[in-house]
Amino acid sequence: MPPTPPDNLAPDVAAVAARLGLRDVTVLRRSGKTLLSAGDLAGRPVVVKLLLDGGEFWQARWRHEIGIYRPSRRNRPRCGCQR
């Protein structure tokens, strides 16, 4: 059974949090285009950014941003701050 998100979240955020299995979700920033939130996923802290505007321009920008972050996912920096 997926975790139940907090009652104080907006319905769209709560639905995504429940679908992903996020716990302890906090909205960090919300604009007309994106929503940035933090939470816990399987015991690890995570940050989730959602695209709220489905226009073609914003989807293309979103794909570009994901492409920028992909190399750092594969080659994670060693900062000594890991548990």
N, C-alpha and C. Protein backbone atom coordinates (compact mmCIF):
# COMPACT_ATOMS: atom_id res chain seq x y z
N MET A 1 0.84 -1.18 0.00
CA MET A 1 0.00 0.00 0.00
C MET A 1 0.89 1.25 0.00
N PRO A 2 0.67 2.22 -0.92
CA PRO A 2 1.52 3.42 -0.96
C PRO A 2 1.28 4.28 0.27
N PRO A 3 2.30 5.07 0.66
CA PRO A 3 2.13 5.95 1.81
C PRO A 3 1.09 7.03 1.54
N THR A 4 0.46 7.49 2.58
CA THR A 4 -0.52 8.55 2.46
C THR A 4 0.18 9.89 2.60
N PRO A 5 0.05 10.79 1.60
CA PRO A 5 0.70 12.09 1.71
C PRO A 5 0.00 12.96 2.75
N PRO A 6 0.68 13.98 3.26
CA PRO A 6 0.07 14.86 4.25
C PRO A 6 -1.17 15.55 3.70
N ASP A 7 -2.09 15.90 4.58
CA ASP A 7 -3.35 16.53 4.18
C ASP A 7 -3.16 17.95 3.67
N ASN A 8 -2.07 18.62 4.04
CA ASN A 8 -1.91 20.03 3.68
C ASN A 8 -1.32 20.24 2.28
N LEU A 9 -1.07 19.17 1.53
CA LEU A 9 -0.53 19.30 0.18
C LEU A 9 -1.66 19.58 -0.81
N ALA A 10 -1.32 20.32 -1.85
CA ALA A 10 -2.28 20.53 -2.93
C ALA A 10 -2.62 19.18 -3.54
N PRO A 11 -3.83 19.01 -4.05
CA PRO A 11 -4.23 17.70 -4.59
C PRO A 11 -3.29 17.16 -5.67
N ASP A 12 -2.78 18.05 -6.55
CA ASP A 12 -1.90 17.56 -7.61
C ASP A 12 -0.59 17.05 -7.05
N VAL A 13 -0.06 17.73 -6.04
CA VAL A 13 1.19 17.30 -5.40
C VAL A 13 0.96 16.01 -4.62
N ALA A 14 -0.15 15.93 -3.92
CA ALA A 14 -0.46 14.74 -3.13
C ALA A 14 -0.61 13.52 -4.03
N ALA A 15 -1.22 13.69 -5.21
CA ALA A 15 -1.39 12.56 -6.13
C ALA A 15 -0.05 12.07 -6.64
N VAL A 16 0.83 12.99 -7.01
CA VAL A 16 2.16 12.60 -7.50
C VAL A 16 2.96 11.95 -6.38
N ALA A 17 2.91 12.52 -5.17
CA ALA A 17 3.64 11.97 -4.03
C ALA A 17 3.18 10.54 -3.75
N ALA A 18 1.89 10.31 -3.78
CA ALA A 18 1.37 8.96 -3.52
C ALA A 18 1.80 7.99 -4.61
N ARG A 19 1.76 8.44 -5.87
CA ARG A 19 2.13 7.58 -6.99
C ARG A 19 3.60 7.19 -6.93
N LEU A 20 4.47 8.12 -6.51
CA LEU A 20 5.91 7.87 -6.45
C LEU A 20 6.33 7.17 -5.16
N GLY A 21 5.47 7.20 -4.15
CA GLY A 21 5.82 6.61 -2.86
C GLY A 21 6.62 7.55 -1.98
N LEU A 22 6.47 8.86 -2.18
CA LEU A 22 7.19 9.85 -1.38
C LEU A 22 6.54 10.02 -0.01
N ARG A 23 7.37 10.24 0.97
CA ARG A 23 6.90 10.53 2.33
C ARG A 23 7.47 11.86 2.79
N ASP A 24 6.85 12.47 3.77
CA ASP A 24 7.31 13.72 4.36
C ASP A 24 7.56 14.78 3.29
N VAL A 25 6.59 14.97 2.41
CA VAL A 25 6.74 15.89 1.29
C VAL A 25 6.55 17.32 1.73
N THR A 26 7.47 18.18 1.30
CA THR A 26 7.41 19.61 1.56
C THR A 26 7.56 20.35 0.25
N VAL A 27 6.67 21.28 -0.04
CA VAL A 27 6.80 22.10 -1.24
C VAL A 27 7.85 23.16 -0.97
N LEU A 28 8.89 23.20 -1.79
CA LEU A 28 9.97 24.17 -1.63
C LEU A 28 9.68 25.44 -2.42
N ARG A 29 9.15 25.26 -3.64
CA ARG A 29 8.87 26.42 -4.48
C ARG A 29 7.85 26.02 -5.53
N ARG A 30 6.95 26.93 -5.82
CA ARG A 30 5.95 26.68 -6.86
C ARG A 30 5.82 27.94 -7.71
N SER A 31 5.90 27.76 -9.02
CA SER A 31 5.67 28.86 -9.95
C SER A 31 4.55 28.42 -10.88
N GLY A 32 4.24 29.22 -11.86
CA GLY A 32 3.22 28.83 -12.82
C GLY A 32 3.66 27.70 -13.72
N LYS A 33 4.97 27.47 -13.78
CA LYS A 33 5.51 26.46 -14.70
C LYS A 33 5.98 25.19 -14.00
N THR A 34 6.52 25.29 -12.80
CA THR A 34 7.10 24.12 -12.12
C THR A 34 6.75 24.09 -10.64
N LEU A 35 6.95 22.92 -10.06
CA LEU A 35 6.78 22.74 -8.63
C LEU A 35 8.00 21.97 -8.14
N LEU A 36 8.67 22.50 -7.14
CA LEU A 36 9.85 21.87 -6.57
C LEU A 36 9.49 21.42 -5.15
N SER A 37 9.71 20.14 -4.86
CA SER A 37 9.38 19.64 -3.53
C SER A 37 10.47 18.68 -3.06
N ALA A 38 10.51 18.49 -1.77
CA ALA A 38 11.47 17.58 -1.14
C ALA A 38 10.71 16.55 -0.34
N GLY A 39 11.32 15.40 -0.16
CA GLY A 39 10.67 14.35 0.61
C GLY A 39 11.62 13.20 0.85
N ASP A 40 11.05 12.07 1.18
CA ASP A 40 11.80 10.88 1.50
C ASP A 40 11.29 9.74 0.62
N LEU A 41 12.19 9.03 -0.03
CA LEU A 41 11.82 7.92 -0.88
C LEU A 41 12.68 6.73 -0.48
N ALA A 42 12.05 5.70 0.05
CA ALA A 42 12.75 4.49 0.48
C ALA A 42 13.88 4.81 1.45
N GLY A 43 13.63 5.75 2.35
CA GLY A 43 14.62 6.08 3.37
C GLY A 43 15.72 7.03 2.93
N ARG A 44 15.62 7.57 1.72
CA ARG A 44 16.64 8.49 1.22
C ARG A 44 16.01 9.82 0.90
N PRO A 45 16.69 10.93 1.20
CA PRO A 45 16.14 12.24 0.86
C PRO A 45 16.17 12.47 -0.65
N VAL A 46 15.10 13.04 -1.18
CA VAL A 46 15.01 13.31 -2.61
C VAL A 46 14.40 14.69 -2.84
N VAL A 47 14.69 15.25 -4.00
CA VAL A 47 14.06 16.48 -4.46
C VAL A 47 13.38 16.14 -5.78
N VAL A 48 12.14 16.59 -5.94
CA VAL A 48 11.36 16.29 -7.13
C VAL A 48 10.92 17.60 -7.75
N LYS A 49 11.13 17.71 -9.06
CA LYS A 49 10.68 18.89 -9.79
C LYS A 49 9.66 18.45 -10.82
N LEU A 50 8.47 19.04 -10.77
CA LEU A 50 7.38 18.69 -11.68
C LEU A 50 7.12 19.82 -12.66
N LEU A 51 6.90 19.47 -13.91
CA LEU A 51 6.52 20.46 -14.92
C LEU A 51 5.01 20.59 -14.89
N LEU A 52 4.52 21.80 -14.64
CA LEU A 52 3.08 22.04 -14.55
C LEU A 52 2.49 22.58 -15.84
N ASP A 53 3.32 23.19 -16.68
CA ASP A 53 2.88 23.76 -17.95
C ASP A 53 3.23 22.78 -19.07
N GLY A 54 2.23 22.31 -19.81
CA GLY A 54 2.46 21.30 -20.84
C GLY A 54 2.71 21.85 -22.22
N GLY A 55 2.98 23.17 -22.34
CA GLY A 55 3.24 23.76 -23.64
C GLY A 55 4.49 23.18 -24.29
N GLU A 56 4.52 23.19 -25.64
CA GLU A 56 5.65 22.60 -26.36
C GLU A 56 6.98 23.23 -25.98
N PHE A 57 7.01 24.56 -25.84
CA PHE A 57 8.25 25.24 -25.47
C PHE A 57 8.77 24.73 -24.13
N TRP A 58 7.89 24.64 -23.14
CA TRP A 58 8.31 24.22 -21.81
C TRP A 58 8.69 22.75 -21.77
N GLN A 59 8.04 21.93 -22.57
CA GLN A 59 8.42 20.51 -22.65
C GLN A 59 9.82 20.37 -23.25
N ALA A 60 10.12 21.18 -24.28
CA ALA A 60 11.46 21.13 -24.88
C ALA A 60 12.52 21.60 -23.88
N ARG A 61 12.21 22.65 -23.15
CA ARG A 61 13.15 23.12 -22.12
C ARG A 61 13.36 22.08 -21.05
N TRP A 62 12.30 21.39 -20.69
CA TRP A 62 12.35 20.35 -19.67
C TRP A 62 13.27 19.20 -20.12
N ARG A 63 13.10 18.78 -21.37
CA ARG A 63 13.96 17.72 -21.90
C ARG A 63 15.42 18.17 -21.91
N HIS A 64 15.66 19.43 -22.26
CA HIS A 64 17.02 19.96 -22.25
C HIS A 64 17.59 19.92 -20.82
N GLU A 65 16.82 20.34 -19.85
CA GLU A 65 17.28 20.35 -18.45
C GLU A 65 17.60 18.93 -17.97
N ILE A 66 16.75 17.99 -18.32
CA ILE A 66 17.01 16.59 -17.94
C ILE A 66 18.32 16.12 -18.56
N GLY A 67 18.55 16.49 -19.82
CA GLY A 67 19.80 16.13 -20.48
C GLY A 67 21.02 16.71 -19.81
N ILE A 68 20.88 17.89 -19.24
CA ILE A 68 21.99 18.53 -18.53
C ILE A 68 22.32 17.76 -17.25
N TYR A 69 21.29 17.28 -16.55
CA TYR A 69 21.50 16.59 -15.28
C TYR A 69 21.92 15.13 -15.42
N ARG A 70 21.65 14.51 -16.55
CA ARG A 70 21.95 13.08 -16.71
C ARG A 70 23.41 12.72 -16.46
N PRO A 71 24.40 13.45 -16.98
CA PRO A 71 25.80 13.07 -16.72
C PRO A 71 26.14 13.04 -15.23
N SER A 72 25.58 13.95 -14.45
CA SER A 72 25.90 13.95 -13.01
C SER A 72 25.22 12.79 -12.30
N ARG A 73 24.17 12.25 -12.87
CA ARG A 73 23.53 11.07 -12.28
C ARG A 73 24.43 9.84 -12.47
N ARG A 74 25.03 9.76 -13.64
CA ARG A 74 25.91 8.62 -13.93
C ARG A 74 27.24 8.74 -13.21
N ASN A 75 27.74 9.94 -13.06
CA ASN A 75 29.05 10.18 -12.44
C ASN A 75 28.88 11.06 -11.21
N ARG A 76 28.31 10.50 -10.19
CA ARG A 76 28.01 11.27 -8.97
C ARG A 76 29.29 11.76 -8.31
N PRO A 77 29.30 13.01 -7.87
CA PRO A 77 30.49 13.54 -7.20
C PRO A 77 30.70 12.85 -5.85
N ARG A 78 31.93 12.70 -5.48
CA ARG A 78 32.29 12.12 -4.18
C ARG A 78 32.58 13.27 -3.22
N CYS A 79 31.61 13.61 -2.40
CA CYS A 79 31.78 14.76 -1.51
C CYS A 79 32.03 14.34 -0.07
N GLY A 80 31.96 13.08 0.24
CA GLY A 80 32.18 12.62 1.61
C GLY A 80 30.98 12.85 2.51
N CYS A 81 29.87 13.31 1.94
CA CYS A 81 28.69 13.61 2.76
C CYS A 81 27.66 12.49 2.69
N GLN A 82 27.97 11.39 2.04
CA GLN A 82 27.03 10.30 1.95
C GLN A 82 26.99 9.52 3.25
N ARG A 83 25.85 8.90 3.51
CA ARG A 83 25.68 8.15 4.75
C ARG A 83 26.43 6.85 4.71
